[in-house]
N, C-alpha and C. Protein backbone atom coordinates (compact mmCIF):
# COMPACT_ATOMS: atom_id res chain seq x y z
N MET A 1 60.82 11.54 -32.77
CA MET A 1 60.85 10.16 -33.19
C MET A 1 61.88 9.42 -32.34
N ALA A 2 61.47 8.27 -31.79
CA ALA A 2 62.35 7.48 -30.92
C ALA A 2 63.36 6.72 -31.77
N ARG A 3 64.57 6.75 -31.31
CA ARG A 3 65.63 6.02 -32.00
C ARG A 3 65.71 4.60 -31.49
N CYS A 4 66.02 3.69 -32.38
CA CYS A 4 66.14 2.27 -32.04
C CYS A 4 67.34 2.08 -31.11
N LYS A 5 67.15 1.38 -30.00
CA LYS A 5 68.23 1.14 -29.07
C LYS A 5 69.26 0.16 -29.64
N TYR A 6 68.77 -0.83 -30.40
CA TYR A 6 69.64 -1.85 -30.98
C TYR A 6 69.61 -1.73 -32.50
N PRO A 7 70.72 -2.03 -33.16
CA PRO A 7 70.74 -1.96 -34.63
C PRO A 7 69.79 -2.99 -35.24
N THR A 8 69.24 -2.63 -36.37
CA THR A 8 68.34 -3.55 -37.07
C THR A 8 69.15 -4.62 -37.78
N GLU A 9 68.47 -5.65 -38.25
CA GLU A 9 69.14 -6.74 -38.97
C GLU A 9 69.82 -6.22 -40.23
N GLN A 10 69.19 -5.28 -40.92
CA GLN A 10 69.80 -4.72 -42.13
C GLN A 10 71.10 -4.00 -41.81
N GLN A 11 71.14 -3.30 -40.69
CA GLN A 11 72.36 -2.61 -40.30
C GLN A 11 73.46 -3.61 -39.96
N HIS A 12 73.09 -4.75 -39.36
CA HIS A 12 74.07 -5.79 -39.06
C HIS A 12 74.62 -6.38 -40.35
N GLN A 13 73.77 -6.58 -41.33
CA GLN A 13 74.20 -7.17 -42.58
C GLN A 13 75.20 -6.28 -43.30
N ARG A 14 75.08 -4.99 -43.17
CA ARG A 14 75.99 -4.06 -43.84
C ARG A 14 77.31 -3.91 -43.11
N ALA A 15 77.43 -4.46 -41.93
CA ALA A 15 78.62 -4.26 -41.12
C ALA A 15 79.84 -4.98 -41.70
N LEU A 16 79.65 -6.07 -42.48
CA LEU A 16 80.76 -6.83 -43.04
C LEU A 16 80.65 -6.93 -44.55
N SER A 17 81.78 -6.94 -45.18
CA SER A 17 81.77 -7.20 -46.62
C SER A 17 81.60 -8.70 -46.83
N ASP A 18 81.31 -9.08 -48.06
CA ASP A 18 81.16 -10.50 -48.37
C ASP A 18 82.47 -11.23 -48.11
N GLN A 19 83.56 -10.64 -48.48
CA GLN A 19 84.87 -11.25 -48.30
C GLN A 19 85.17 -11.44 -46.80
N ALA A 20 84.88 -10.43 -46.00
CA ALA A 20 85.14 -10.52 -44.57
C ALA A 20 84.27 -11.59 -43.92
N ALA A 21 83.00 -11.65 -44.33
CA ALA A 21 82.10 -12.67 -43.78
C ALA A 21 82.58 -14.07 -44.14
N ALA A 22 83.04 -14.27 -45.37
CA ALA A 22 83.54 -15.57 -45.80
C ALA A 22 84.81 -15.92 -45.03
N TYR A 23 85.69 -14.96 -44.82
CA TYR A 23 86.93 -15.19 -44.08
C TYR A 23 86.63 -15.59 -42.64
N ILE A 24 85.70 -14.90 -42.00
CA ILE A 24 85.34 -15.22 -40.62
C ILE A 24 84.69 -16.60 -40.54
N ALA A 25 83.82 -16.91 -41.48
CA ALA A 25 83.18 -18.23 -41.50
C ALA A 25 84.22 -19.34 -41.67
N ASP A 26 85.19 -19.15 -42.55
CA ASP A 26 86.26 -20.14 -42.74
C ASP A 26 87.09 -20.30 -41.47
N ALA A 27 87.41 -19.19 -40.83
CA ALA A 27 88.21 -19.25 -39.61
C ALA A 27 87.46 -19.98 -38.50
N LEU A 28 86.18 -19.70 -38.35
CA LEU A 28 85.38 -20.38 -37.32
C LEU A 28 85.24 -21.87 -37.61
N MET A 29 85.07 -22.22 -38.89
CA MET A 29 84.97 -23.63 -39.26
C MET A 29 86.28 -24.34 -38.96
N GLN A 30 87.41 -23.72 -39.27
CA GLN A 30 88.71 -24.32 -38.98
C GLN A 30 88.90 -24.50 -37.48
N LEU A 31 88.48 -23.51 -36.70
CA LEU A 31 88.58 -23.59 -35.25
C LEU A 31 87.73 -24.76 -34.73
N ALA A 32 86.50 -24.89 -35.24
CA ALA A 32 85.63 -25.98 -34.82
C ALA A 32 86.21 -27.34 -35.19
N LEU A 33 86.76 -27.46 -36.39
CA LEU A 33 87.35 -28.73 -36.82
C LEU A 33 88.59 -29.07 -36.00
N ASP A 34 89.43 -28.09 -35.72
CA ASP A 34 90.61 -28.32 -34.89
C ASP A 34 90.21 -28.77 -33.48
N PHE A 35 89.19 -28.12 -32.93
CA PHE A 35 88.72 -28.49 -31.60
C PHE A 35 88.18 -29.91 -31.60
N GLU A 36 87.37 -30.24 -32.60
CA GLU A 36 86.80 -31.58 -32.68
C GLU A 36 87.89 -32.63 -32.84
N ASN A 37 88.91 -32.35 -33.66
CA ASN A 37 90.00 -33.30 -33.85
C ASN A 37 90.79 -33.53 -32.57
N SER A 38 91.00 -32.49 -31.79
CA SER A 38 91.80 -32.65 -30.59
C SER A 38 91.01 -33.17 -29.40
N HIS A 39 89.69 -33.08 -29.44
CA HIS A 39 88.85 -33.53 -28.32
C HIS A 39 87.83 -34.57 -28.75
N TYR A 40 88.16 -35.33 -29.81
CA TYR A 40 87.21 -36.30 -30.36
C TYR A 40 86.80 -37.35 -29.32
N ALA A 41 87.75 -37.87 -28.57
CA ALA A 41 87.45 -38.92 -27.60
C ALA A 41 86.47 -38.43 -26.54
N GLU A 42 86.67 -37.22 -26.03
CA GLU A 42 85.78 -36.68 -25.01
C GLU A 42 84.37 -36.45 -25.57
N ILE A 43 84.31 -35.93 -26.79
CA ILE A 43 83.00 -35.67 -27.42
C ILE A 43 82.27 -36.99 -27.64
N ARG A 44 82.99 -38.01 -28.13
CA ARG A 44 82.38 -39.31 -28.39
C ARG A 44 81.87 -39.94 -27.10
N ARG A 45 82.68 -39.90 -26.03
CA ARG A 45 82.24 -40.46 -24.74
C ARG A 45 80.99 -39.76 -24.25
N HIS A 46 80.92 -38.45 -24.41
CA HIS A 46 79.74 -37.70 -23.97
C HIS A 46 78.50 -38.17 -24.71
N TYR A 47 78.58 -38.27 -26.03
CA TYR A 47 77.41 -38.67 -26.80
C TYR A 47 77.04 -40.13 -26.54
N GLU A 48 78.01 -41.00 -26.31
CA GLU A 48 77.70 -42.39 -25.96
C GLU A 48 77.02 -42.48 -24.61
N ALA A 49 77.42 -41.61 -23.68
CA ALA A 49 76.83 -41.63 -22.34
C ALA A 49 75.37 -41.19 -22.35
N ILE A 50 75.01 -40.28 -23.25
CA ILE A 50 73.63 -39.78 -23.25
C ILE A 50 72.74 -40.49 -24.25
N ALA A 51 73.32 -41.41 -25.05
CA ALA A 51 72.53 -42.12 -26.05
C ALA A 51 71.64 -43.16 -25.36
N PRO A 52 70.42 -43.33 -25.85
CA PRO A 52 69.56 -44.36 -25.25
C PRO A 52 70.11 -45.75 -25.55
N GLY A 53 69.90 -46.65 -24.61
CA GLY A 53 70.38 -48.02 -24.79
C GLY A 53 69.52 -48.77 -25.80
N PRO A 54 70.01 -49.91 -26.23
CA PRO A 54 69.25 -50.69 -27.21
C PRO A 54 67.99 -51.29 -26.57
N ASP A 55 66.97 -51.49 -27.39
CA ASP A 55 65.75 -52.12 -26.91
C ASP A 55 66.03 -53.58 -26.57
N LYS A 56 65.44 -54.07 -25.52
CA LYS A 56 65.62 -55.46 -25.12
C LYS A 56 64.40 -56.28 -25.53
N ASP A 57 64.19 -56.38 -26.82
CA ASP A 57 63.07 -57.16 -27.35
C ASP A 57 63.55 -58.60 -27.53
N PRO A 58 62.94 -59.57 -26.82
CA PRO A 58 63.40 -60.95 -26.93
C PRO A 58 63.19 -61.55 -28.32
N ARG A 59 62.33 -60.96 -29.11
CA ARG A 59 62.10 -61.47 -30.47
C ARG A 59 63.16 -61.00 -31.46
N GLN A 60 63.94 -60.00 -31.07
CA GLN A 60 64.95 -59.45 -31.96
C GLN A 60 66.17 -60.36 -32.02
N LEU A 61 66.56 -60.76 -33.22
CA LEU A 61 67.74 -61.59 -33.38
C LEU A 61 69.00 -60.74 -33.23
N GLU A 62 70.03 -61.31 -32.66
CA GLU A 62 71.30 -60.59 -32.53
C GLU A 62 72.16 -60.94 -33.74
N LEU A 63 72.46 -59.96 -34.56
CA LEU A 63 73.28 -60.20 -35.72
C LEU A 63 74.76 -60.30 -35.36
N PHE A 64 75.16 -59.55 -34.33
CA PHE A 64 76.55 -59.55 -33.91
C PHE A 64 76.62 -59.81 -32.40
N PRO A 65 76.42 -61.07 -32.00
CA PRO A 65 76.46 -61.35 -30.55
C PRO A 65 77.87 -61.15 -30.00
N GLU A 66 77.92 -60.68 -28.77
CA GLU A 66 79.23 -60.47 -28.14
C GLU A 66 79.82 -61.82 -27.77
N ILE A 67 81.10 -61.97 -28.06
CA ILE A 67 81.76 -63.26 -27.82
C ILE A 67 82.50 -63.22 -26.50
């Protein structure tokens, strides 16, 4: 009988206890939040640069015209 080269999903699930999985998830979330807080300006500029521009429909009224 051939042995599986890679562990199955069930074997992966048994590798961590519930407490360990929750601790790792909390640590990763804190890392992501810390990164986002310290690099917010760069992330915002990136998303603004790739966002599509507004439609130039002449029938559309401007609610907040630039002064």
